Amino acid sequence: QVQLVESGGGLVQAGGSLRLSCAASGIIFSMYTMGWYRQAPGKQRELVATMTSDSSANYADFVKGRFTILRDNAKNTVYLQMNSLKPEDTAVYYCNAVLKWLNYWGQGTQVTVSS
């Protein structure tokens, strides 16, 4: 059974930092492209950052220079370090694992940035 369990969300003031974690089980983690997506109320889910199995990272323009995606294959965990947070970063953040036609999602973790 595949599980992606996010943690680390919460309430933070603008300019602050949070680190999200996503612990994966039931998959060969090192083979998957791991990603973070977010969905704000009334908006579509959007890509935040991805990291391939060979650790190539890709970022949405709106987080470049502020967010960093990291993976630890030994711990089957992917992280999202979020710095210089803005109120518009408020959303539910979802972990994603993709390998060819296999696509898994976590349950999401709420991030709220107050002004």
PDB file of N, CA and C in Angstrom:
ATOM      1  N   GLN A   1       0.841  -1.179   0.000  1.00  0.00           N
ATOM      2  CA  GLN A   1       0.000   0.000   0.000  1.00  0.00           C
ATOM      3  C   GLN A   1       0.888   1.245   0.000  1.00  0.00           C
ATOM      4  N   VAL A   2       0.640   2.130  -0.948  1.00  0.00           N
ATOM      5  CA  VAL A   2       1.431   3.338  -1.061  1.00  0.00           C
ATOM      6  C   VAL A   2       0.887   4.408  -0.119  1.00  0.00           C
ATOM      7  N   GLN A   3       1.783   5.031   0.608  1.00  0.00           N
ATOM      8  CA  GLN A   3       1.406   6.141   1.472  1.00  0.00           C
ATOM      9  C   GLN A   3       2.407   7.273   1.307  1.00  0.00           C
ATOM     10  N   LEU A   4       1.881   8.478   1.181  1.00  0.00           N
ATOM     11  CA  LEU A   4       2.681   9.695   1.222  1.00  0.00           C
ATOM     12  C   LEU A   4       2.107  10.534   2.350  1.00  0.00           C
ATOM     13  N   VAL A   5       2.903  10.779   3.357  1.00  0.00           N
ATOM     14  CA  VAL A   5       2.416  11.473   4.546  1.00  0.00           C
ATOM     15  C   VAL A   5       3.180  12.781   4.715  1.00  0.00           C
ATOM     16  N   GLU A   6       2.437  13.875   4.542  1.00  0.00           N
ATOM     17  CA  GLU A   6       3.039  15.205   4.689  1.00  0.00           C
ATOM     18  C   GLU A   6       2.973  15.673   6.135  1.00  0.00           C
ATOM     19  N   SER A   7       3.911  16.503   6.487  1.00  0.00           N
ATOM     20  CA  SER A   7       3.915  17.134   7.806  1.00  0.00           C
ATOM     21  C   SER A   7       4.689  18.448   7.703  1.00  0.00           C
ATOM     22  N   GLY A   8       4.549  19.268   8.747  1.00  0.00           N
ATOM     23  CA  GLY A   8       5.325  20.499   8.816  1.00  0.00           C
ATOM     24  C   GLY A   8       4.556  21.762   8.480  1.00  0.00           C
ATOM     25  N   GLY A   9       3.306  21.632   8.081  1.00  0.00           N
ATOM     26  CA  GLY A   9       2.523  22.817   7.797  1.00  0.00           C
ATOM     27  C   GLY A   9       2.150  23.546   9.074  1.00  0.00           C
ATOM     28  N   GLY A  10       1.575  24.727   8.904  1.00  0.00           N
ATOM     29  CA  GLY A  10       1.164  25.503  10.065  1.00  0.00           C
ATOM     30  C   GLY A  10       0.948  26.956   9.722  1.00  0.00           C
ATOM     31  N   LEU A  11       0.880  27.754  10.760  1.00  0.00           N
ATOM     32  CA  LEU A  11       0.666  29.199  10.638  1.00  0.00           C
ATOM     33  C   LEU A  11       1.984  29.920  10.863  1.00  0.00           C
ATOM     34  N   VAL A  12       2.321  30.822   9.956  1.00  0.00           N
ATOM     35  CA  VAL A  12       3.565  31.564  10.067  1.00  0.00           C
ATOM     36  C   VAL A  12       3.324  32.984   9.584  1.00  0.00           C
ATOM     37  N   GLN A  13       4.087  33.914  10.110  1.00  0.00           N
ATOM     38  CA  GLN A  13       3.977  35.299   9.668  1.00  0.00           C
ATOM     39  C   GLN A  13       4.721  35.497   8.342  1.00  0.00           C
ATOM     40  N   ALA A  14       4.284  36.490   7.611  1.00  0.00           N
ATOM     41  CA  ALA A  14       4.962  36.825   6.352  1.00  0.00           C
ATOM     42  C   ALA A  14       6.445  37.078   6.616  1.00  0.00           C
ATOM     43  N   GLY A  15       7.270  36.554   5.723  1.00  0.00           N
ATOM     44  CA  GLY A  15       8.710  36.647   5.891  1.00  0.00           C
ATOM     45  C   GLY A  15       9.326  35.478   6.625  1.00  0.00           C
ATOM     46  N   GLY A  16       8.480  34.644   7.217  1.00  0.00           N
ATOM     47  CA  GLY A  16       8.967  33.505   7.979  1.00  0.00           C
ATOM     48  C   GLY A  16       9.266  32.298   7.109  1.00  0.00           C
ATOM     49  N   SER A  17       9.605  31.194   7.787  1.00  0.00           N
ATOM     50  CA  SER A  17      10.000  29.970   7.099  1.00  0.00           C
ATOM     51  C   SER A  17       9.261  28.767   7.653  1.00  0.00           C
ATOM     52  N   LEU A  18       9.098  27.787   6.798  1.00  0.00           N
ATOM     53  CA  LEU A  18       8.574  26.480   7.193  1.00  0.00           C
ATOM     54  C   LEU A  18       9.295  25.422   6.383  1.00  0.00           C
ATOM     55  N   ARG A  19       9.376  24.231   6.929  1.00  0.00           N
ATOM     56  CA  ARG A  19       9.903  23.107   6.179  1.00  0.00           C
ATOM     57  C   ARG A  19       8.871  21.991   6.184  1.00  0.00           C
ATOM     58  N   LEU A  20       8.417  21.650   5.009  1.00  0.00           N
ATOM     59  CA  LEU A  20       7.488  20.536   4.858  1.00  0.00           C
ATOM     60  C   LEU A  20       8.256  19.250   4.609  1.00  0.00           C
ATOM     61  N   SER A  21       7.705  18.167   5.120  1.00  0.00           N
ATOM     62  CA  SER A  21       8.277  16.844   4.893  1.00  0.00           C
ATOM     63  C   SER A  21       7.213  15.932   4.314  1.00  0.00           C
ATOM     64  N   CYS A  22       7.649  14.989   3.506  1.00  0.00           N
ATOM     65  CA  CYS A  22       6.748  13.977   2.955  1.00  0.00           C
ATOM     66  C   CYS A  22       7.463  12.637   3.043  1.00  0.00           C
ATOM     67  N   ALA A  23       6.938  11.777   3.901  1.00  0.00           N
ATOM     68  CA  ALA A  23       7.506  10.448   4.083  1.00  0.00           C
ATOM     69  C   ALA A  23       6.735   9.456   3.223  1.00  0.00           C
ATOM     70  N   ALA A  24       7.462   8.734   2.385  1.00  0.00           N
ATOM     71  CA  ALA A  24       6.833   7.793   1.464  1.00  0.00           C
ATOM     72  C   ALA A  24       7.064   6.361   1.913  1.00  0.00           C
ATOM     73  N   SER A  25       6.068   5.535   1.670  1.00  0.00           N
ATOM     74  CA  SER A  25       6.197   4.098   1.918  1.00  0.00           C
ATOM     75  C   SER A  25       5.431   3.350   0.833  1.00  0.00           C
ATOM     76  N   GLY A  26       5.846   2.114   0.596  1.00  0.00           N
ATOM     77  CA  GLY A  26       5.165   1.294  -0.400  1.00  0.00           C
ATOM     78  C   GLY A  26       5.627   1.520  -1.821  1.00  0.00           C
ATOM     79  N   ILE A  27       6.649   2.351  -2.005  1.00  0.00           N
ATOM     80  CA  ILE A  27       7.214   2.585  -3.334  1.00  0.00           C
ATOM     81  C   ILE A  27       8.727   2.482  -3.264  1.00  0.00           C
ATOM     82  N   ILE A  28       9.354   2.272  -4.429  1.00  0.00           N
ATOM     83  CA  ILE A  28      10.814   2.332  -4.502  1.00  0.00           C
ATOM     84  C   ILE A  28      11.146   3.809  -4.693  1.00  0.00           C
ATOM     85  N   PHE A  29      11.291   4.484  -3.571  1.00  0.00           N
ATOM     86  CA  PHE A  29      11.340   5.949  -3.529  1.00  0.00           C
ATOM     87  C   PHE A  29      12.375   6.522  -4.496  1.00  0.00           C
ATOM     88  N   SER A  30      13.537   5.918  -4.541  1.00  0.00           N
ATOM     89  CA  SER A  30      14.637   6.491  -5.326  1.00  0.00           C
ATOM     90  C   SER A  30      14.340   6.542  -6.823  1.00  0.00           C
ATOM     91  N   MET A  31      13.361   5.778  -7.278  1.00  0.00           N
ATOM     92  CA  MET A  31      13.047   5.734  -8.703  1.00  0.00           C
ATOM     93  C   MET A  31      12.051   6.801  -9.121  1.00  0.00           C
ATOM     94  N   TYR A  32      11.380   7.391  -8.153  1.00  0.00           N
ATOM     95  CA  TYR A  32      10.278   8.298  -8.441  1.00  0.00           C
ATOM     96  C   TYR A  32      10.716   9.747  -8.560  1.00  0.00           C
ATOM     97  N   THR A  33      10.041  10.472  -9.441  1.00  0.00           N
ATOM     98  CA  THR A  33      10.081  11.926  -9.397  1.00  0.00           C
ATOM     99  C   THR A  33       9.135  12.373  -8.287  1.00  0.00           C
ATOM    100  N   MET A  34       9.667  13.136  -7.366  1.00  0.00           N
ATOM    101  CA  MET A  34       8.876  13.622  -6.234  1.00  0.00           C
ATOM    102  C   MET A  34       8.571  15.100  -6.433  1.00  0.00           C
ATOM    103  N   GLY A  35       7.399  15.495  -5.996  1.00  0.00           N
ATOM    104  CA  GLY A  35       7.023  16.876  -6.202  1.00  0.00           C
ATOM    105  C   GLY A  35       6.142  17.418  -5.105  1.00  0.00           C
ATOM    106  N   TRP A  36       6.070  18.729  -5.082  1.00  0.00           N
ATOM    107  CA  TRP A  36       5.155  19.455  -4.196  1.00  0.00           C
ATOM    108  C   TRP A  36       4.243  20.307  -5.068  1.00  0.00           C
ATOM    109  N   TYR A  37       2.961  20.250  -4.762  1.00  0.00           N
ATOM    110  CA  TYR A  37       1.940  21.048  -5.413  1.00  0.00           C
ATOM    111  C   TYR A  37       1.161  21.774  -4.328  1.00  0.00           C
ATOM    112  N   ARG A  38       0.415  22.784  -4.729  1.00  0.00           N
ATOM    113  CA  ARG A  38      -0.408  23.474  -3.749  1.00  0.00           C
ATOM    114  C   ARG A  38      -1.736  23.873  -4.367  1.00  0.00           C
ATOM    115  N   GLN A  39      -2.714  24.032  -3.493  1.00  0.00           N
ATOM    116  CA  GLN A  39      -4.043  24.453  -3.931  1.00  0.00           C
ATOM    117  C   GLN A  39      -4.610  25.437  -2.931  1.00  0.00           C
ATOM    118  N   ALA A  40      -4.836  26.641  -3.393  1.00  0.00           N
ATOM    119  CA  ALA A  40      -5.456  27.674  -2.574  1.00  0.00           C
ATOM    120  C   ALA A  40      -6.964  27.607  -2.765  1.00  0.00           C
ATOM    121  N   PRO A  41      -7.732  28.126  -1.811  1.00  0.00           N
ATOM    122  CA  PRO A  41      -9.194  28.093  -1.938  1.00  0.00           C
ATOM    123  C   PRO A  41      -9.661  28.745  -3.232  1.00  0.00           C
ATOM    124  N   GLY A  42     -10.515  28.034  -3.960  1.00  0.00           N
ATOM    125  CA  GLY A  42     -11.072  28.578  -5.187  1.00  0.00           C
ATOM    126  C   GLY A  42     -10.145  28.554  -6.378  1.00  0.00           C
ATOM    127  N   LYS A  43      -8.967  27.947  -6.202  1.00  0.00           N
ATOM    128  CA  LYS A  43      -7.998  27.897  -7.296  1.00  0.00           C
ATOM    129  C   LYS A  43      -7.650  26.465  -7.639  1.00  0.00           C
ATOM    130  N   GLN A  44      -7.067  26.290  -8.814  1.00  0.00           N
ATOM    131  CA  GLN A  44      -6.634  24.960  -9.228  1.00  0.00           C
ATOM    132  C   GLN A  44      -5.322  24.592  -8.536  1.00  0.00           C
ATOM    133  N   ARG A  45      -5.107  23.298  -8.436  1.00  0.00           N
ATOM    134  CA  ARG A  45      -3.841  22.821  -7.894  1.00  0.00           C
ATOM    135  C   ARG A  45      -2.716  23.188  -8.869  1.00  0.00           C
ATOM    136  N   GLU A  46      -1.595  23.662  -8.316  1.00  0.00           N
ATOM    137  CA  GLU A  46      -0.496  24.101  -9.161  1.00  0.00           C
ATOM    138  C   GLU A  46       0.830  23.525  -8.677  1.00  0.00           C
ATOM    139  N   LEU A  47       1.724  23.351  -9.638  1.00  0.00           N
ATOM    140  CA  LEU A  47       3.045  22.818  -9.312  1.00  0.00           C
ATOM    141  C   LEU A  47       3.857  23.861  -8.544  1.00  0.00           C
ATOM    142  N   VAL A  48       4.550  23.382  -7.513  1.00  0.00           N
ATOM    143  CA  VAL A  48       5.473  24.238  -6.767  1.00  0.00           C
ATOM    144  C   VAL A  48       6.910  23.874  -7.128  1.00  0.00           C
ATOM    145  N   ALA A  49       7.240  22.580  -6.978  1.00  0.00           N
ATOM    146  CA  ALA A  49       8.600  22.138  -7.265  1.00  0.00           C
ATOM    147  C   ALA A  49       8.608  20.630  -7.460  1.00  0.00           C
ATOM    148  N   THR A  50       9.522  20.160  -8.292  1.00  0.00           N
ATOM    149  CA  THR A  50       9.712  18.725  -8.470  1.00  0.00           C
ATOM    150  C   THR A  50      11.193  18.398  -8.434  1.00  0.00           C
ATOM    151  N   MET A  51      11.486  17.142  -8.121  1.00  0.00           N
ATOM    152  CA  MET A  51      12.861  16.662  -8.165  1.00  0.00           C
ATOM    153  C   MET A  51      12.854  15.254  -8.731  1.00  0.00           C
ATOM    154  N   THR A  52      13.628  15.064  -9.782  1.00  0.00           N
ATOM    155  CA  THR A  52      13.675  13.757 -10.433  1.00  0.00           C
ATOM    156  C   THR A  52      14.507  12.771  -9.621  1.00  0.00           C
ATOM    157  N   SER A  53      14.529  11.543 -10.100  1.00  0.00           N
ATOM    158  CA  SER A  53      15.280  10.504  -9.409  1.00  0.00           C
ATOM    159  C   SER A  53      16.781  10.794  -9.406  1.00  0.00           C
ATOM    160  N   ASP A  54      17.240  11.565 -10.371  1.00  0.00           N
ATOM    161  CA  ASP A  54      18.662  11.942 -10.388  1.00  0.00           C
ATOM    162  C   ASP A  54      18.889  13.329  -9.801  1.00  0.00           C
ATOM    163  N   SER A  55      17.911  13.783  -8.997  1.00  0.00           N
ATOM    164  CA  SER A  55      18.015  15.020  -8.210  1.00  0.00           C
ATOM    165  C   SER A  55      18.050  16.291  -9.034  1.00  0.00           C
ATOM    166  N   SER A  56      17.444  16.260 -10.206  1.00  0.00           N
ATOM    167  CA  SER A  56      17.283  17.483 -10.986  1.00  0.00           C
ATOM    168  C   SER A  56      16.013  18.186 -10.512  1.00  0.00           C
ATOM    169  N   ALA A  57      16.152  19.444 -10.118  1.00  0.00           N
ATOM    170  CA  ALA A  57      15.041  20.191  -9.533  1.00  0.00           C
ATOM    171  C   ALA A  57      14.431  21.154 -10.544  1.00  0.00           C
ATOM    172  N   ASN A  58      13.131  21.334 -10.384  1.00  0.00           N
ATOM    173  CA  ASN A  58      12.389  22.279 -11.213  1.00  0.00           C
ATOM    174  C   ASN A  58      11.453  23.058 -10.298  1.00  0.00           C
ATOM    175  N   TYR A  59      11.375  24.378 -10.520  1.00  0.00           N
ATOM    176  CA  TYR A  59      10.575  25.230  -9.647  1.00  0.00           C
ATOM    177  C   TYR A  59       9.603  26.080 -10.461  1.00  0.00           C
ATOM    178  N   ALA A  60       8.452  26.338  -9.862  1.00  0.00           N
ATOM    179  CA  ALA A  60       7.560  27.341 -10.409  1.00  0.00           C
ATOM    180  C   ALA A  60       8.218  28.707 -10.249  1.00  0.00           C
ATOM    181  N   ASP A  61       7.941  29.579 -11.191  1.00  0.00           N
ATOM    182  CA  ASP A  61       8.585  30.897 -11.161  1.00  0.00           C
ATOM    183  C   ASP A  61       8.289  31.639  -9.861  1.00  0.00           C
ATOM    184  N   PHE A  62       7.108  31.451  -9.310  1.00  0.00           N
ATOM    185  CA  PHE A  62       6.713  32.242  -8.144  1.00  0.00           C
ATOM    186  C   PHE A  62       7.412  31.801  -6.860  1.00  0.00           C
ATOM    187  N   VAL A  63       8.171  30.701  -6.893  1.00  0.00           N
ATOM    188  CA  VAL A  63       8.907  30.288  -5.700  1.00  0.00           C
ATOM    189  C   VAL A  63      10.417  30.277  -5.898  1.00  0.00           C
ATOM    190  N   LYS A  64      10.878  30.561  -7.093  1.00  0.00           N
ATOM    191  CA  LYS A  64      12.318  30.531  -7.352  1.00  0.00           C
ATOM    192  C   LYS A  64      13.047  31.516  -6.440  1.00  0.00           C
ATOM    193  N   GLY A  65      14.095  31.004  -5.816  1.00  0.00           N
ATOM    194  CA  GLY A  65      14.876  31.825  -4.905  1.00  0.00           C
ATOM    195  C   GLY A  65      14.344  31.844  -3.481  1.00  0.00           C
ATOM    196  N   ARG A  66      13.145  31.310  -3.270  1.00  0.00           N
ATOM    197  CA  ARG A  66      12.563  31.285  -1.919  1.00  0.00           C
ATOM    198  C   ARG A  66      12.394  29.863  -1.392  1.00  0.00           C
ATOM    199  N   PHE A  67      12.016  28.944  -2.255  1.00  0.00           N
ATOM    200  CA  PHE A  67      11.756  27.557  -1.845  1.00  0.00           C
ATOM    201  C   PHE A  67      12.848  26.647  -2.390  1.00  0.00           C
ATOM    202  N   THR A  68      13.133  25.573  -1.639  1.00  0.00           N
ATOM    203  CA  THR A  68      14.099  24.579  -2.078  1.00  0.00           C
ATOM    204  C   THR A  68      13.523  23.188  -1.838  1.00  0.00           C
ATOM    205  N   ILE A  69      13.571  22.352  -2.860  1.00  0.00           N
ATOM    206  CA  ILE A  69      13.145  20.961  -2.716  1.00  0.00           C
ATOM    207  C   ILE A  69      14.381  20.094  -2.522  1.00  0.00           C
ATOM    208  N   LEU A  70      14.265  19.169  -1.575  1.00  0.00           N
ATOM    209  CA  LEU A  70      15.366  18.269  -1.245  1.00  0.00           C
ATOM    210  C   LEU A  70      14.803  16.866  -1.103  1.00  0.00           C
ATOM    211  N   ARG A  71      15.629  15.873  -1.382  1.00  0.00           N
ATOM    212  CA  ARG A  71      15.186  14.500  -1.144  1.00  0.00           C
ATOM    213  C   ARG A  71      16.290  13.727  -0.440  1.00  0.00           C
ATOM    214  N   ASP A  72      15.842  12.816   0.418  1.00  0.00           N
ATOM    215  CA  ASP A  72      16.752  11.933   1.136  1.00  0.00           C
ATOM    216  C   ASP A  72      16.301  10.515   0.836  1.00  0.00           C
ATOM    217  N   ASN A  73      16.969   9.885  -0.110  1.00  0.00           N
ATOM    218  CA  ASN A  73      16.542   8.544  -0.520  1.00  0.00           C
ATOM    219  C   ASN A  73      16.722   7.517   0.589  1.00  0.00           C
ATOM    220  N   ALA A  74      17.654   7.751   1.478  1.00  0.00           N
ATOM    221  CA  ALA A  74      17.862   6.819   2.588  1.00  0.00           C
ATOM    222  C   ALA A  74      16.685   6.836   3.555  1.00  0.00           C
ATOM    223  N   LYS A  75      16.004   7.974   3.625  1.00  0.00           N
ATOM    224  CA  LYS A  75      14.865   8.113   4.541  1.00  0.00           C
ATOM    225  C   LYS A  75      13.521   8.089   3.814  1.00  0.00           C
ATOM    226  N   ASN A  76      13.560   7.879   2.486  1.00  0.00           N
ATOM    227  CA  ASN A  76      12.319   7.885   1.694  1.00  0.00           C
ATOM    228  C   ASN A  76      11.497   9.151   1.943  1.00  0.00           C
ATOM    229  N   THR A  77      12.180  10.266   1.997  1.00  0.00           N
ATOM    230  CA  THR A  77      11.526  11.519   2.367  1.00  0.00           C
ATOM    231  C   THR A  77      11.939  12.639   1.411  1.00  0.00           C
ATOM    232  N   VAL A  78      10.953  13.460   1.067  1.00  0.00           N
ATOM    233  CA  VAL A  78      11.207  14.659   0.289  1.00  0.00           C
ATOM    234  C   VAL A  78      10.790  15.859   1.137  1.00  0.00           C
ATOM    235  N   TYR A  79      11.546  16.932   1.019  1.00  0.00           N
ATOM    236  CA  TYR A  79      11.317  18.128   1.825  1.00  0.00           C
ATOM    237  C   TYR A  79      11.049  19.333   0.916  1.00  0.00           C
ATOM    238  N   LEU A  80      10.379  20.296   1.499  1.00  0.00           N
ATOM    239  CA  LEU A  80      10.238  21.585   0.841  1.00  0.00           C
ATOM    240  C   LEU A  80      10.578  22.652   1.872  1.00  0.00           C
ATOM    241  N   GLN A  81      11.728  23.259   1.699  1.00  0.00           N
ATOM    242  CA  GLN A  81      12.138  24.360   2.571  1.00  0.00           C
ATOM    243  C   GLN A  81      11.575  25.640   1.984  1.00  0.00           C
ATOM    244  N   MET A  82      10.749  26.318   2.759  1.00  0.00           N
ATOM    245  CA  MET A  82      10.078  27.524   2.289  1.00  0.00           C
ATOM    246  C   MET A  82      10.543  28.711   3.110  1.00  0.00           C
ATOM    247  N   ASN A  83      11.183  29.647   2.467  1.00  0.00           N
ATOM    248  CA  ASN A  83      11.668  30.864   3.112  1.00  0.00           C
ATOM    249  C   ASN A  83      10.965  32.075   2.526  1.00  0.00           C
ATOM    250  N   SER A  84      11.052  33.184   3.232  1.00  0.00           N
ATOM    251  CA  SER A  84      10.460  34.447   2.758  1.00  0.00           C
ATOM    252  C   SER A  84       9.008  34.249   2.346  1.00  0.00           C
ATOM    253  N   LEU A  85       8.262  33.596   3.211  1.00  0.00           N
ATOM    254  CA  LEU A  85       6.873  33.270   2.880  1.00  0.00           C
ATOM    255  C   LEU A  85       6.025  34.531   2.757  1.00  0.00           C
ATOM    256  N   LYS A  86       5.060  34.440   1.847  1.00  0.00           N
ATOM    257  CA  LYS A  86       4.144  35.548   1.565  1.00  0.00           C
ATOM    258  C   LYS A  86       2.711  35.087   1.822  1.00  0.00           C
ATOM    259  N   PRO A  87       1.807  36.024   2.112  1.00  0.00           N
ATOM    260  CA  PRO A  87       0.405  35.620   2.313  1.00  0.00           C
ATOM    261  C   PRO A  87      -0.149  34.834   1.117  1.00  0.00           C
ATOM    262  N   GLU A  88       0.290  35.136  -0.071  1.00  0.00           N
ATOM    263  CA  GLU A  88      -0.202  34.414  -1.263  1.00  0.00           C
ATOM    264  C   GLU A  88       0.319  32.989  -1.353  1.00  0.00           C
ATOM    265  N   ASP A  89       1.226  32.605  -0.470  1.00  0.00           N
ATOM    266  CA  ASP A  89       1.665  31.209  -0.402  1.00  0.00           C
ATOM    267  C   ASP A  89       0.700  30.350   0.406  1.00  0.00           C
ATOM    268  N   THR A  90      -0.298  30.973   1.007  1.00  0.00           N
ATOM    269  CA  THR A  90      -1.289  30.228   1.781  1.00  0.00           C
ATOM    270  C   THR A  90      -2.020  29.237   0.883  1.00  0.00           C
ATOM    271  N   ALA A  91      -2.002  27.966   1.290  1.00  0.00           N
ATOM    272  CA  ALA A  91      -2.608  26.908   0.485  1.00  0.00           C
ATOM    273  C   ALA A  91      -2.456  25.585   1.214  1.00  0.00           C
ATOM    274  N   VAL A  92      -3.124  24.575   0.694  1.00  0.00           N
ATOM    275  CA  VAL A  92      -2.835  23.202   1.094  1.00  0.00           C
ATOM    276  C   VAL A  92      -1.736  22.682   0.174  1.00  0.00           C
ATOM    277  N   TYR A  93      -0.695  22.170   0.775  1.00  0.00           N
ATOM    278  CA  TYR A  93       0.457  21.679   0.017  1.00  0.00           C
ATOM    279  C   TYR A  93       0.407  20.156  -0.033  1.00  0.00           C
ATOM    280  N   TYR A  94       0.551  19.631  -1.243  1.00  0.00           N
ATOM    281  CA  TYR A  94       0.438  18.197  -1.477  1.00  0.00           C
ATOM    282  C   TYR A  94       1.755  17.625  -1.979  1.00  0.00           C
ATOM    283  N   CYS A  95       2.077  16.449  -1.493  1.00  0.00           N
ATOM    284  CA  CYS A  95       3.224  15.694  -1.967  1.00  0.00           C
ATOM    285  C   CYS A  95       2.776  14.785  -3.107  1.00  0.00           C
ATOM    286  N   ASN A  96       3.645  14.600  -4.089  1.00  0.00           N
ATOM    287  CA  ASN A  96       3.315  13.802  -5.265  1.00  0.00           C
ATOM    288  C   ASN A  96       4.496  12.916  -5.635  1.00  0.00           C
ATOM    289  N   ALA A  97       4.186  11.692  -6.042  1.00  0.00           N
ATOM    290  CA  ALA A  97       5.215  10.746  -6.499  1.00  0.00           C
ATOM    291  C   ALA A  97       4.799  10.207  -7.859  1.00  0.00           C
ATOM    292  N   VAL A  98       5.683  10.298  -8.829  1.00  0.00           N
ATOM    293  CA  VAL A  98       5.375   9.876 -10.192  1.00  0.00           C
ATOM    294  C   VAL A  98       6.489   8.989 -10.738  1.00  0.00           C
ATOM    295  N   LEU A  99       6.065   7.878 -11.350  1.00  0.00           N
ATOM    296  CA  LEU A  99       6.984   7.013 -12.078  1.00  0.00           C
ATOM    297  C   LEU A  99       6.205   6.437 -13.253  1.00  0.00           C
ATOM    298  N   LYS A 100       6.509   6.905 -14.445  1.00  0.00           N
ATOM    299  CA  LYS A 100       5.792   6.497 -15.657  1.00  0.00           C
ATOM    300  C   LYS A 100       4.295   6.724 -15.441  1.00  0.00           C
ATOM    301  N   TRP A 101       3.483   5.674 -15.483  1.00  0.00           N
ATOM    302  CA  TRP A 101       2.039   5.838 -15.350  1.00  0.00           C
ATOM    303  C   TRP A 101       1.572   5.811 -13.900  1.00  0.00           C
ATOM    304  N   LEU A 102       2.482   5.617 -12.963  1.00  0.00           N
ATOM    305  CA  LEU A 102       2.134   5.565 -11.542  1.00  0.00           C
ATOM    306  C   LEU A 102       2.181   6.982 -10.967  1.00  0.00           C
ATOM    307  N   ASN A 103       1.123   7.352 -10.271  1.00  0.00           N
ATOM    308  CA  ASN A 103       0.985   8.723  -9.786  1.00  0.00           C
ATOM    309  C   ASN A 103       0.267   8.682  -8.446  1.00  0.00           C
ATOM    310  N   TYR A 104       0.944   9.125  -7.396  1.00  0.00           N
ATOM    311  CA  TYR A 104       0.385   9.056  -6.043  1.00  0.00           C
ATOM    312  C   TYR A 104       0.409  10.428  -5.394  1.00  0.00           C
ATOM    313  N   TRP A 105      -0.593  10.640  -4.512  1.00  0.00           N
ATOM    314  CA  TRP A 105      -0.723  11.911  -3.806  1.00  0.00           C
ATOM    315  C   TRP A 105      -0.823  11.685  -2.310  1.00  0.00           C
ATOM    316  N   GLY A 106      -0.312  12.643  -1.566  1.00  0.00           N
ATOM    317  CA  GLY A 106      -0.533  12.662  -0.142  1.00  0.00           C
ATOM    318  C   GLY A 106      -1.848  13.355   0.174  1.00  0.00           C
ATOM    319  N   GLN A 107      -2.148  13.445   1.469  1.00  0.00           N
ATOM    320  CA  GLN A 107      -3.425  14.007   1.892  1.00  0.00           C
ATOM    321  C   GLN A 107      -3.372  15.531   2.016  1.00  0.00           C
ATOM    322  N   GLY A 108      -2.179  16.083   2.004  1.00  0.00           N
ATOM    323  CA  GLY A 108      -2.030  17.529   2.058  1.00  0.00           C
ATOM    324  C   GLY A 108      -1.770  18.046   3.462  1.00  0.00           C
ATOM    325  N   THR A 109      -1.101  19.188   3.520  1.00  0.00           N
ATOM    326  CA  THR A 109      -0.852  19.871   4.786  1.00  0.00           C
ATOM    327  C   THR A 109      -1.089  21.361   4.570  1.00  0.00           C
ATOM    328  N   GLN A 110      -1.780  21.976   5.529  1.00  0.00           N
ATOM    329  CA  GLN A 110      -2.169  23.379   5.386  1.00  0.00           C
ATOM    330  C   GLN A 110      -1.005  24.294   5.769  1.00  0.00           C
ATOM    331  N   VAL A 111      -0.754  25.258   4.913  1.00  0.00           N
ATOM    332  CA  VAL A 111       0.200  26.324   5.203  1.00  0.00           C
ATOM    333  C   VAL A 111      -0.567  27.646   5.142  1.00  0.00           C
ATOM    334  N   THR A 112      -0.502  28.388   6.232  1.00  0.00           N
ATOM    335  CA  THR A 112      -1.176  29.683   6.300  1.00  0.00           C
ATOM    336  C   THR A 112      -0.148  30.747   6.649  1.00  0.00           C
ATOM    337  N   VAL A 113      -0.069  31.774   5.806  1.00  0.00           N
ATOM    338  CA  VAL A 113       0.886  32.861   6.025  1.00  0.00           C
ATOM    339  C   VAL A 113       0.100  34.129   6.320  1.00  0.00           C
ATOM    340  N   SER A 114       0.298  34.673   7.498  1.00  0.00           N
ATOM    341  CA  SER A 114      -0.418  35.873   7.905  1.00  0.00           C
ATOM    342  C   SER A 114       0.393  37.119   7.556  1.00  0.00           C
ATOM    343  N   SER A 115      -0.328  38.178   7.249  1.00  0.00           N
ATOM    344  CA  SER A 115       0.341  39.440   6.860  1.00  0.00           C
ATOM    345  C   SER A 115       0.619  40.313   8.070  1.00  0.00           C
TER     346      SER A 115
END
